[in-house]
């Protein structure tokens, strides 16, 4: 099985910022992944937050050059992960940059309480706008390999009963309003030589345990090394948080760094269970995983 030699993960946007710094926070999430295998280096942006101005400021301060971006992955349709993808593509001044996502990402997607509110992809970030800005959409329900050792999950099977439910959102399908299970929720999985699997999530609407189980099925025999991203446990019932933390700890990862939509109660539970192996996610945080 082909694996990465190393993986560097840099948090470009997140809800929180370091004390005393000048990086900008926002309710959103964006990662830069730098994957290395032999002489090949690939730089991937996963999600772009909801405020491109803040993202751009952070990229400049963190010495991230838009021209070096090789691909963009959008974890799901929500505005706090996708707003500004066209602006970022325009900044790269490239043509044909892969924009990888689920084929349903551009659907109508909304909340109905407390009032009707659209929360999906913005019109200025439509499929046609992405193409006009130099992006090439790669829309698939299946896992998609970005390079040997780095892949998207594709659609994640929902198998854990305690992770069912969550955010109550809706879509319109063939003229009918229906509940939306957020099937477009995808994650990235890296397999690093000598270290195992690294799972990078957007919001884990599919359930982080479902995501990890699916990731392990994509790389049979590999252990989980790290989980980074949003776990969408903010406001979750105590039973769900406890069940998630217990199962996550059972995979015995070396690192869990969760933030954005994870919620304070879940972060506390993760720290109480995992100790120093848990680190709250924050803007500017950097993680390097190598043999």
Protein backbone atom coordinates (compact mmCIF):
# COMPACT_ATOMS: atom_id res chain seq x y z
CA UNK A 1 0.00 0.00 0.00
CA UNK A 2 1.42 3.37 -1.04
CA UNK A 3 1.77 5.92 1.76
CA UNK A 4 2.87 9.48 2.38
CA UNK A 5 6.31 10.19 3.79
CA UNK A 6 4.94 13.14 5.77
CA UNK A 7 1.91 15.34 6.23
CA UNK A 8 1.89 18.95 7.42
CA UNK A 9 -1.43 20.46 8.48
CA UNK A 10 -1.81 24.21 9.03
CA UNK A 11 -5.06 25.72 10.35
CA UNK A 12 -5.85 28.77 8.20
CA UNK A 13 -9.25 29.59 9.73
CA UNK A 14 -11.05 28.54 12.89
CA UNK A 15 -13.29 30.08 15.53
CA UNK A 16 -10.44 30.81 17.94
CA UNK A 17 -7.07 32.56 17.66
CA UNK A 18 -3.90 32.47 19.78
CA UNK A 19 -3.56 34.95 22.63
CA UNK A 20 -1.57 38.03 21.69
CA UNK A 21 -1.40 37.28 17.98
CA UNK A 22 -2.74 39.12 14.95
CA UNK A 23 -4.42 36.21 13.15
CA UNK A 24 -8.15 36.60 12.51
CA UNK A 25 -10.81 34.20 13.78
CA UNK A 26 -14.16 33.45 12.21
CA UNK A 27 -16.98 30.95 12.62
CA UNK A 28 -15.61 28.64 10.00
CA UNK A 29 -12.81 26.25 9.18
CA UNK A 30 -9.99 25.99 6.66
CA UNK A 31 -6.89 23.80 6.53
CA UNK A 32 -3.77 23.70 4.39
CA UNK A 33 -2.40 20.20 3.89
CA UNK A 34 1.10 19.69 2.54
CA UNK A 35 1.49 16.04 1.58
CA UNK A 36 4.89 14.62 0.65
CA UNK A 37 5.79 11.33 -1.01
CA UNK A 38 9.29 10.86 -2.38
CA UNK A 39 9.86 13.86 -4.68
CA UNK A 40 6.17 14.79 -4.95
CA UNK A 41 4.69 17.59 -2.84
CA UNK A 42 0.98 18.44 -3.03
CA UNK A 43 -0.67 21.40 -1.32
CA UNK A 44 -4.39 21.06 -0.67
CA UNK A 45 -6.82 23.55 0.84
CA UNK A 46 -9.69 21.87 2.68
CA UNK A 47 -12.58 24.33 3.14
CA UNK A 48 -12.29 28.12 3.01
CA UNK A 49 -14.36 29.36 5.97
CA UNK A 50 -17.02 32.02 5.50
CA UNK A 51 -14.93 35.22 5.35
CA UNK A 52 -12.42 35.28 2.52
CA UNK A 53 -10.91 38.57 3.70
CA UNK A 54 -9.98 37.02 7.04
CA UNK A 55 -8.72 33.86 5.33
CA UNK A 56 -6.57 35.90 2.95
CA UNK A 57 -5.10 37.90 5.85
CA UNK A 58 -4.21 34.70 7.69
CA UNK A 59 -2.68 33.15 4.57
CA UNK A 60 -0.43 36.17 4.17
CA UNK A 61 0.65 36.10 7.81
CA UNK A 62 1.27 32.35 7.68
CA UNK A 63 3.26 32.65 4.42
CA UNK A 64 0.80 30.61 2.38
CA UNK A 65 0.95 31.47 -1.32
CA UNK A 66 -2.29 30.91 -3.24
CA UNK A 67 -0.27 30.12 -6.38
CA UNK A 68 1.08 26.99 -4.67
CA UNK A 69 -2.37 25.45 -4.17
CA UNK A 70 -2.79 22.25 -6.17
CA UNK A 71 -6.39 21.35 -5.20
CA UNK A 72 -9.32 22.47 -3.07
CA UNK A 73 -11.58 20.06 -1.17
CA UNK A 74 -14.98 21.22 0.10
CA UNK A 75 -16.16 19.03 2.97
CA UNK A 76 -19.84 19.96 2.62
CA UNK A 77 -22.09 22.75 1.41
CA UNK A 78 -22.36 24.95 4.52
CA UNK A 79 -21.51 28.63 4.03
CA UNK A 80 -18.99 28.62 6.91
CA UNK A 81 -16.83 26.16 4.96
CA UNK A 82 -17.34 27.24 1.34
CA UNK A 83 -17.78 31.03 1.11
CA UNK A 84 -15.01 32.53 -0.97
CA UNK A 85 -13.87 29.50 -2.94
CA UNK A 86 -14.21 31.47 -6.18
CA UNK A 87 -12.23 34.38 -4.70
CA UNK A 88 -9.47 31.95 -3.69
CA UNK A 89 -9.41 30.40 -7.16
CA UNK A 90 -9.11 33.86 -8.70
CA UNK A 91 -6.18 34.57 -6.38
CA UNK A 92 -4.32 31.48 -7.61
CA UNK A 93 -4.34 32.79 -11.18
CA UNK A 94 -4.32 29.15 -12.32
CA UNK A 95 -6.54 27.23 -14.68
CA UNK A 96 -7.92 23.77 -14.02
CA UNK A 97 -7.44 23.67 -10.23
CA UNK A 98 -9.39 20.61 -9.01
CA UNK A 99 -12.29 21.51 -6.72
CA UNK A 100 -13.33 18.25 -5.11
CA UNK A 101 -16.73 17.77 -3.52
CA UNK A 102 -19.87 15.66 -3.43
CA UNK A 103 -22.20 16.09 -6.46
CA UNK A 104 -25.04 17.34 -4.23
CA UNK A 105 -23.03 20.23 -2.80
CA UNK A 106 -24.84 22.90 -4.85
CA UNK A 107 -28.37 21.85 -3.77
CA UNK A 108 -30.83 24.11 -1.97
CA UNK A 109 -30.09 23.69 1.73
CA UNK A 110 -31.78 25.56 4.57
CA UNK A 111 -32.95 25.80 8.17
CA UNK A 112 -36.62 26.26 8.99
CA UNK A 113 -36.22 27.47 12.60
CA UNK A 114 -36.34 30.00 14.11
CA UNK A 115 -37.03 31.35 10.60
CA UNK A 116 -36.34 30.19 7.05
CA UNK A 117 -32.60 30.66 6.37
CA UNK A 118 -30.47 29.43 3.50
CA UNK A 119 -27.12 28.05 4.70
CA UNK A 120 -25.70 26.36 1.60
CA UNK A 121 -23.30 27.39 -1.14
CA UNK A 122 -23.61 31.04 -2.08
CA UNK A 123 -24.59 32.10 -5.59
CA UNK A 124 -21.20 33.73 -6.15
CA UNK A 125 -19.61 30.31 -5.51
CA UNK A 126 -21.78 28.38 -7.97
CA UNK A 127 -20.42 25.58 -10.13
CA UNK A 128 -20.28 27.86 -13.15
CA UNK A 129 -18.52 30.59 -11.16
CA UNK A 130 -15.94 28.03 -10.01
CA UNK A 131 -15.28 27.04 -13.62
CA UNK A 132 -15.06 30.67 -14.74
CA UNK A 133 -12.50 31.37 -11.99
CA UNK A 134 -10.25 28.55 -13.19
CA UNK A 135 -11.53 25.67 -11.11
CA UNK A 136 -12.36 22.22 -12.44
CA UNK A 137 -15.11 20.53 -10.38
CA UNK A 138 -14.49 16.90 -9.44
CA UNK A 139 -17.89 15.89 -8.07
CA UNK A 140 -18.16 12.30 -6.86
CA UNK A 141 -19.89 10.20 -4.24
CA UNK A 142 -16.93 7.83 -4.19
CA UNK A 143 -13.55 8.19 -2.49
CA UNK A 144 -11.16 10.13 -4.70
CA UNK A 145 -7.39 9.73 -4.47
CA UNK A 146 -5.50 13.03 -4.60
CA UNK A 147 -2.16 11.21 -4.56
CA UNK A 148 -0.98 7.86 -3.23
CA UNK A 149 -1.65 7.95 0.51
CA UNK A 150 -4.17 10.81 0.45
CA UNK A 151 -7.86 10.40 -0.40
CA UNK A 152 -11.29 11.77 0.25
CA UNK A 153 -13.75 9.49 2.02
CA UNK A 154 -16.58 9.98 -0.43
CA UNK A 155 -20.01 9.40 1.12
CA UNK A 156 -19.70 7.95 4.61
CA UNK A 157 -21.99 5.05 5.63
CA UNK A 158 -24.04 5.94 8.72
CA UNK A 159 -23.75 2.85 10.94
CA UNK A 160 -23.49 4.05 14.56
CA UNK A 161 -26.95 4.46 16.14
CA UNK A 162 -25.88 7.13 18.66
CA UNK A 163 -24.63 9.44 15.90
CA UNK A 164 -28.00 9.58 14.11
CA UNK A 165 -29.88 12.87 14.02
CA UNK A 166 -28.14 16.13 14.79
CA UNK A 167 -28.71 19.32 12.83
CA UNK A 168 -32.29 19.55 11.50
CA UNK A 169 -31.98 20.94 8.00
CA UNK A 170 -33.96 20.66 4.78
CA UNK A 171 -33.61 20.56 1.03
CA UNK A 172 -35.95 20.61 -1.98
CA UNK A 173 -35.89 17.57 -4.24
CA UNK A 174 -37.99 17.46 -7.40
CA UNK A 175 -40.26 20.16 -6.03
CA UNK A 176 -40.70 18.48 -2.63
CA UNK A 177 -39.35 19.73 0.69
CA UNK A 178 -37.63 17.02 2.69
CA UNK A 179 -35.23 16.61 5.57
CA UNK A 180 -31.60 16.79 4.52
CA UNK A 181 -29.22 14.17 5.96
CA UNK A 182 -26.19 16.13 4.64
CA UNK A 183 -24.98 13.26 2.43
CA UNK A 184 -22.29 15.53 0.98
CA UNK A 185 -20.29 15.45 4.24
CA UNK A 186 -16.85 14.13 3.23
CA UNK A 187 -13.46 14.12 4.93
CA UNK A 188 -9.83 13.63 3.99
CA UNK A 189 -7.78 10.61 5.03
CA UNK A 190 -3.99 10.41 4.88
CA UNK A 191 -1.90 7.30 5.46
CA UNK A 192 1.59 8.25 6.66
CA UNK A 193 4.45 5.76 6.58
CA UNK A 194 5.11 4.40 10.06
CA UNK A 195 2.40 6.53 11.69
CA UNK A 196 -0.95 5.34 10.40
CA UNK A 197 -4.10 7.23 9.47
CA UNK A 198 -4.82 10.93 9.83
CA UNK A 199 -8.47 11.96 9.47
CA UNK A 200 -9.24 15.62 8.69
CA UNK A 201 -12.88 16.62 8.95
CA UNK A 202 -14.99 19.68 8.27
CA UNK A 203 -17.97 19.26 10.58
CA UNK A 204 -18.38 15.46 10.85
CA UNK A 205 -22.09 15.62 10.04
CA UNK A 206 -21.78 11.93 9.10
CA UNK A 207 -20.57 11.25 12.67
CA UNK A 208 -16.89 11.14 13.53
CA UNK A 209 -17.00 7.46 14.51
CA UNK A 210 -18.68 6.61 11.21
CA UNK A 211 -15.97 8.62 9.44
CA UNK A 212 -13.13 6.87 11.28
CA UNK A 213 -14.60 3.42 10.62
CA UNK A 214 -14.94 4.26 6.94
CA UNK A 215 -11.40 5.66 6.83
CA UNK A 216 -10.06 2.42 8.32
CA UNK A 217 -11.92 0.44 5.67
CA UNK A 218 -10.12 2.44 2.96
CA UNK A 219 -6.71 1.52 4.43
CA UNK A 220 -7.13 -1.99 5.89
CA UNK A 221 -4.74 -2.87 8.68
CA UNK A 222 -3.73 0.71 9.43
CA UNK A 223 -4.22 2.18 12.91
CA UNK A 224 -5.66 5.62 13.59
CA UNK A 225 -2.96 8.17 14.41
CA UNK A 226 -4.79 11.51 14.52
CA UNK A 227 -8.13 13.25 14.09
CA UNK A 228 -8.39 16.97 13.34
CA UNK A 229 -11.38 19.19 12.61
CA UNK A 230 -14.93 19.84 13.71
CA UNK A 231 -16.91 17.06 15.41
CA UNK A 232 -20.32 18.82 15.50
CA UNK A 233 -21.09 17.94 19.10
CA UNK A 234 -22.04 21.48 20.15
CA UNK A 235 -25.44 21.19 21.81
CA UNK A 236 -25.39 17.39 21.58
CA UNK A 237 -26.92 15.29 24.35
CA UNK A 238 -24.59 14.06 27.07
CA UNK A 239 -25.16 10.46 25.95
CA UNK A 240 -23.99 11.21 22.44
CA UNK A 241 -20.89 13.06 23.63
CA UNK A 242 -19.98 10.26 26.04
CA UNK A 243 -20.55 7.59 23.40
CA UNK A 244 -18.47 9.46 20.84
CA UNK A 245 -15.58 10.12 23.21
CA UNK A 246 -15.55 6.52 24.46
CA UNK A 247 -15.45 5.06 20.95
CA UNK A 248 -12.91 7.63 19.74
CA UNK A 249 -10.61 6.85 22.66
CA UNK A 250 -10.97 3.17 21.81
CA UNK A 251 -9.10 3.78 18.54
CA UNK A 252 -6.19 5.01 20.70
CA UNK A 253 -5.07 7.92 18.49
CA UNK A 254 -1.90 9.83 19.38
CA UNK A 255 -3.63 13.16 18.70
CA UNK A 256 -7.13 14.59 18.60
CA UNK A 257 -7.44 18.31 17.82
CA UNK A 258 -11.06 19.36 17.61
CA UNK A 259 -12.73 22.75 17.46
CA UNK A 260 -15.12 24.86 15.37
CA UNK A 261 -18.47 23.05 15.88
CA UNK A 262 -17.21 20.55 18.48
CA UNK A 263 -18.54 22.47 21.47
CA UNK A 264 -17.07 23.16 24.91
CA UNK A 265 -18.69 20.18 26.64
CA UNK A 266 -17.26 17.76 24.10
CA UNK A 267 -13.83 19.39 24.28
CA UNK A 268 -13.87 18.98 28.08
CA UNK A 269 -14.92 15.34 27.74
CA UNK A 270 -12.14 14.72 25.22
CA UNK A 271 -9.54 16.31 27.50
CA UNK A 272 -10.77 14.42 30.56
CA UNK A 273 -10.50 11.14 28.67
CA UNK A 274 -7.43 11.69 26.52
CA UNK A 275 -5.39 14.16 28.56
CA UNK A 276 -2.56 15.81 26.67
CA UNK A 277 -3.36 13.83 23.54
CA UNK A 278 -6.25 16.28 23.07
CA UNK A 279 -5.49 19.81 21.82
CA UNK A 280 -8.22 22.39 21.12
CA UNK A 281 -8.08 23.46 17.49
CA UNK A 282 -7.13 27.09 16.81
CA UNK A 283 -6.17 29.35 13.94
CA UNK A 284 -2.48 29.11 13.10
CA UNK A 285 -1.97 25.71 14.74
CA UNK A 286 0.48 23.49 12.86
CA UNK A 287 0.84 19.72 12.99
CA UNK A 288 3.55 17.68 11.28
CA UNK A 289 3.18 13.90 11.08
CA UNK A 290 6.08 11.94 9.65
CA UNK A 291 7.90 8.66 10.05
